[in-house]
N, C-alpha and C. Protein backbone atom coordinates (compact mmCIF):
# COMPACT_ATOMS: atom_id res chain seq x y z
N MET A 1 104.57 101.35 108.43
CA MET A 1 103.86 101.61 109.24
C MET A 1 103.43 101.53 110.33
N ALA A 2 103.37 101.72 111.76
CA ALA A 2 102.84 101.60 112.94
C ALA A 2 101.49 101.05 113.10
N PRO A 3 101.35 100.03 113.95
CA PRO A 3 100.07 99.59 114.04
C PRO A 3 99.22 101.16 115.04
N VAL A 4 97.82 100.91 114.41
CA VAL A 4 97.20 102.08 114.67
C VAL A 4 95.98 101.78 115.31
N THR A 5 95.29 102.53 116.40
CA THR A 5 94.37 102.48 117.22
C THR A 5 93.23 102.97 116.98
N VAL A 6 92.15 103.01 116.35
CA VAL A 6 90.55 103.38 116.01
C VAL A 6 89.70 103.60 116.97
N LEU A 7 89.41 105.23 117.06
CA LEU A 7 88.44 104.83 118.53
C LEU A 7 87.10 104.43 117.68
N PRO A 8 86.29 103.75 118.35
CA PRO A 8 84.95 103.17 118.00
C PRO A 8 84.20 104.08 117.55
N GLN A 9 84.08 105.20 118.32
CA GLN A 9 83.16 106.33 117.50
C GLN A 9 82.98 106.94 116.30
N SER A 10 84.51 106.58 115.34
CA SER A 10 84.93 107.25 114.33
C SER A 10 83.96 106.96 113.25
N GLU A 11 83.37 108.34 112.69
CA GLU A 11 82.81 107.93 111.64
C GLU A 11 83.49 107.32 110.34
N ASN A 12 84.45 107.73 110.21
CA ASN A 12 85.41 107.04 109.14
C ASN A 12 85.72 105.68 109.22
N LEU A 13 85.90 105.28 110.72
CA LEU A 13 85.96 103.49 110.49
C LEU A 13 84.63 102.98 110.26
N GLN A 14 83.53 103.95 110.66
CA GLN A 14 82.13 103.05 110.49
C GLN A 14 82.09 103.24 109.01
N ALA A 15 82.18 103.98 108.26
CA ALA A 15 82.48 104.01 106.85
C ALA A 15 83.25 102.90 106.23
N LEU A 16 84.28 102.80 106.95
CA LEU A 16 85.07 101.49 106.42
C LEU A 16 84.41 100.08 106.55
N ARG A 17 83.70 100.09 107.58
CA ARG A 17 83.16 98.71 107.78
C ARG A 17 82.14 98.22 107.00
N LEU A 18 81.20 99.59 106.93
CA LEU A 18 80.23 99.68 105.95
C LEU A 18 80.33 99.00 104.33
N ALA A 19 81.56 99.77 103.87
CA ALA A 19 82.14 99.46 103.00
C ALA A 19 82.38 98.45 102.58
N ILE A 20 83.21 97.64 103.68
CA ILE A 20 83.88 96.09 103.50
C ILE A 20 82.43 95.34 103.54
N GLN A 21 81.66 95.25 104.20
CA GLN A 21 80.21 94.46 104.57
C GLN A 21 79.45 94.68 102.97
N GLU A 22 79.30 95.97 102.59
CA GLU A 22 78.85 95.89 101.24
C GLU A 22 79.54 95.36 100.26
N MET A 23 81.03 95.16 100.43
CA MET A 23 81.79 94.46 99.20
C MET A 23 81.59 92.93 99.48
N ASP A 24 81.24 92.56 100.72
CA ASP A 24 81.04 91.07 101.07
C ASP A 24 79.99 90.76 100.49
N SER A 25 78.82 91.89 100.69
CA SER A 25 77.35 91.27 100.03
C SER A 25 77.25 90.72 98.40
N LEU A 26 78.33 91.69 98.21
CA LEU A 26 78.08 91.39 96.41
C LEU A 26 78.55 89.98 95.75
N PHE A 27 79.33 88.94 96.65
CA PHE A 27 79.42 88.01 96.17
C PHE A 27 78.57 87.10 96.63
N THR A 28 77.96 86.63 95.65
CA THR A 28 76.74 85.82 95.69
C THR A 28 76.54 84.49 95.12
N PRO A 29 76.07 83.18 95.65
CA PRO A 29 76.20 81.93 94.59
C PRO A 29 75.76 82.19 93.14
N GLU A 30 75.11 83.36 92.67
CA GLU A 30 75.07 83.69 91.28
C GLU A 30 76.05 84.29 90.64
N GLY A 31 76.96 84.74 91.47
CA GLY A 31 78.16 85.55 90.77
C GLY A 31 78.31 86.79 91.35
N VAL A 32 79.46 87.61 90.72
CA VAL A 32 79.41 89.00 91.17
C VAL A 32 79.57 89.98 90.12
N ASN A 33 79.08 91.15 90.51
CA ASN A 33 78.99 92.19 89.64
C ASN A 33 80.30 92.93 89.62
N PHE A 34 81.38 92.99 88.58
CA PHE A 34 82.84 93.50 88.87
C PHE A 34 82.58 95.11 88.81
N VAL A 35 81.51 95.68 88.42
CA VAL A 35 81.62 97.11 88.06
C VAL A 35 81.35 97.46 89.35
N ALA A 36 80.30 96.74 90.56
CA ALA A 36 79.76 97.10 91.58
C ALA A 36 80.85 97.01 92.51
N LEU A 37 81.46 95.95 92.27
CA LEU A 37 82.76 95.21 93.07
C LEU A 37 83.82 96.46 93.35
N ALA A 38 84.17 96.99 92.01
CA ALA A 38 85.15 97.95 91.74
C ALA A 38 84.93 99.18 92.58
N LYS A 39 83.44 99.48 92.29
CA LYS A 39 83.18 100.89 93.17
C LYS A 39 82.95 100.54 94.59
N CYS A 40 82.82 99.64 95.18
CA CYS A 40 83.07 99.33 96.42
C CYS A 40 84.53 99.55 96.81
N PHE A 41 85.07 98.72 95.81
CA PHE A 41 86.80 98.86 96.31
C PHE A 41 87.19 100.13 96.37
N GLN A 42 86.85 100.87 95.86
CA GLN A 42 87.22 102.30 95.65
C GLN A 42 86.66 103.31 96.88
N GLY A 43 85.44 102.76 97.39
CA GLY A 43 85.19 103.31 98.78
C GLY A 43 85.52 102.66 99.54
N THR A 44 85.82 101.63 99.60
CA THR A 44 86.79 100.84 100.88
C THR A 44 88.26 101.97 101.20
N ALA A 45 88.82 101.81 99.92
CA ALA A 45 90.13 102.81 99.90
C ALA A 45 89.90 103.99 100.20
N GLU A 46 88.90 104.61 99.86
CA GLU A 46 88.55 106.25 100.48
C GLU A 46 88.65 106.01 101.91
N ALA A 47 87.59 105.09 102.25
CA ALA A 47 87.20 104.96 103.78
C ALA A 47 88.44 104.60 104.52
N LEU A 48 89.30 103.69 104.00
CA LEU A 48 90.48 103.23 104.82
C LEU A 48 91.38 104.69 104.92
N LEU A 49 91.61 105.00 103.80
CA LEU A 49 92.57 106.65 103.57
C LEU A 49 92.46 107.62 104.82
N ALA A 50 90.65 107.90 104.98
CA ALA A 50 90.09 108.69 105.98
C ALA A 50 90.23 108.66 107.31
N THR A 51 90.28 106.95 107.57
CA THR A 51 90.67 106.65 108.91
C THR A 51 91.94 106.62 109.23
N LEU A 52 92.76 106.27 108.05
CA LEU A 52 94.05 106.43 108.71
C LEU A 52 94.68 108.19 108.76
N GLU A 53 94.11 109.02 107.85
CA GLU A 53 94.45 110.34 108.08
C GLU A 53 94.03 110.92 109.23
N GLU A 54 92.43 110.71 109.72
CA GLU A 54 92.00 110.86 111.12
C GLU A 54 92.61 110.71 112.16
N ASN A 55 93.88 109.46 112.19
CA ASN A 55 94.80 109.04 112.88
C ASN A 55 96.06 109.41 113.11
N GLN A 56 96.42 110.59 112.00
CA GLN A 56 97.48 110.74 111.77
C GLN A 56 98.54 109.77 111.21
N SER A 57 97.83 108.93 110.45
CA SER A 57 98.76 107.85 109.95
C SER A 57 98.35 107.72 108.79
N ALA A 58 98.50 108.66 108.04
CA ALA A 58 98.38 109.07 106.44
C ALA A 58 99.40 108.05 105.51
N SER A 59 99.23 107.32 104.80
CA SER A 59 100.07 106.30 104.05
C SER A 59 100.31 107.09 102.41
N ILE A 60 101.38 107.35 102.10
CA ILE A 60 101.45 107.44 100.67
C ILE A 60 101.29 106.30 99.87
N ARG A 61 101.10 105.60 100.26
CA ARG A 61 100.79 104.19 99.48
C ARG A 61 99.01 103.95 99.22
N PHE A 62 98.20 104.13 100.30
CA PHE A 62 96.98 104.12 100.33
C PHE A 62 96.63 105.46 99.57
N THR A 63 97.22 106.92 99.64
CA THR A 63 96.89 107.83 99.09
C THR A 63 97.10 107.66 97.26
N ALA A 64 97.99 106.76 97.12
CA ALA A 64 98.42 106.29 95.46
C ALA A 64 96.81 105.46 95.14
N VAL A 65 96.84 104.46 95.78
CA VAL A 65 95.53 103.54 95.57
C VAL A 65 94.39 104.57 95.27
N VAL A 66 94.05 105.15 96.35
CA VAL A 66 92.68 106.42 96.28
C VAL A 66 93.08 106.71 94.53
N LYS A 67 94.33 107.48 94.34
CA LYS A 67 94.40 108.11 93.73
C LYS A 67 94.29 107.22 91.96
N ALA A 68 94.75 106.42 91.97
CA ALA A 68 94.69 105.21 91.09
C ALA A 68 93.25 104.86 90.68
N LEU A 69 92.08 104.66 91.70
CA LEU A 69 90.98 103.96 91.56
C LEU A 69 89.99 105.34 90.93
N ASP A 70 90.48 106.84 91.31
CA ASP A 70 89.52 107.76 90.83
C ASP A 70 89.67 107.82 89.41
N LEU A 71 88.46 107.66 88.94
CA LEU A 71 88.27 108.01 87.58
C LEU A 71 88.84 108.97 87.08
N ARG A 72 88.98 110.31 87.39
CA ARG A 72 89.70 111.47 86.66
C ARG A 72 90.83 111.38 86.65
N THR A 73 91.77 110.40 87.18
CA THR A 73 93.34 110.44 87.29
C THR A 73 93.45 109.89 85.84
N PRO A 74 94.22 110.98 84.99
CA PRO A 74 94.66 110.16 83.60
C PRO A 74 95.27 109.09 83.53
N LYS A 75 94.63 108.20 82.37
CA LYS A 75 95.06 106.64 82.35
C LYS A 75 97.19 106.97 82.25
N SER A 76 97.31 108.14 81.44
CA SER A 76 98.82 108.08 81.09
C SER A 76 99.47 108.25 82.52
N GLN A 77 99.05 108.95 83.45
CA GLN A 77 99.62 109.04 85.00
C GLN A 77 100.11 107.80 85.59
N LEU A 78 98.60 106.69 85.49
CA LEU A 78 98.71 105.74 85.96
C LEU A 78 99.69 104.63 85.19
N GLN A 79 99.79 104.44 83.79
CA GLN A 79 100.80 103.92 83.21
C GLN A 79 101.92 104.47 83.48
N ALA A 80 102.47 105.78 83.57
CA ALA A 80 103.62 106.18 83.86
C ALA A 80 104.24 105.68 85.56
N PHE A 81 103.26 105.77 86.39
CA PHE A 81 103.39 104.89 87.72
C PHE A 81 103.58 103.53 87.48
N VAL A 82 102.90 102.76 87.06
CA VAL A 82 102.95 101.22 86.41
C VAL A 82 104.45 100.82 86.12
N ASN A 83 104.82 102.08 85.14
CA ASN A 83 106.11 101.74 84.19
C ASN A 83 107.47 102.01 85.05
N GLY A 84 106.89 102.71 86.41
CA GLY A 84 108.40 103.19 86.88
C GLY A 84 108.72 104.28 86.71
N GLY A 85 107.89 105.23 86.04
CA GLY A 85 108.29 106.44 85.70
C GLY A 85 107.84 107.80 86.29
């Protein structure tokens, strides 16, 4: 994938920045809530995909990540993908 330049006024880029900041804030000296971290990871992946699509740089790999993190995607589909089927 070629490098992409994103305009600063992009709402998708701002959502991506906020998702990354939120994810970082979950790491505290007391530990990290992995459920909250997973939800932030999903939001980050979705924001990244939206930013790429906005810039005509959609990636099948990021689309796959978002689909894999979507709880509505059947586990059987994920297992088939992981197994190379």
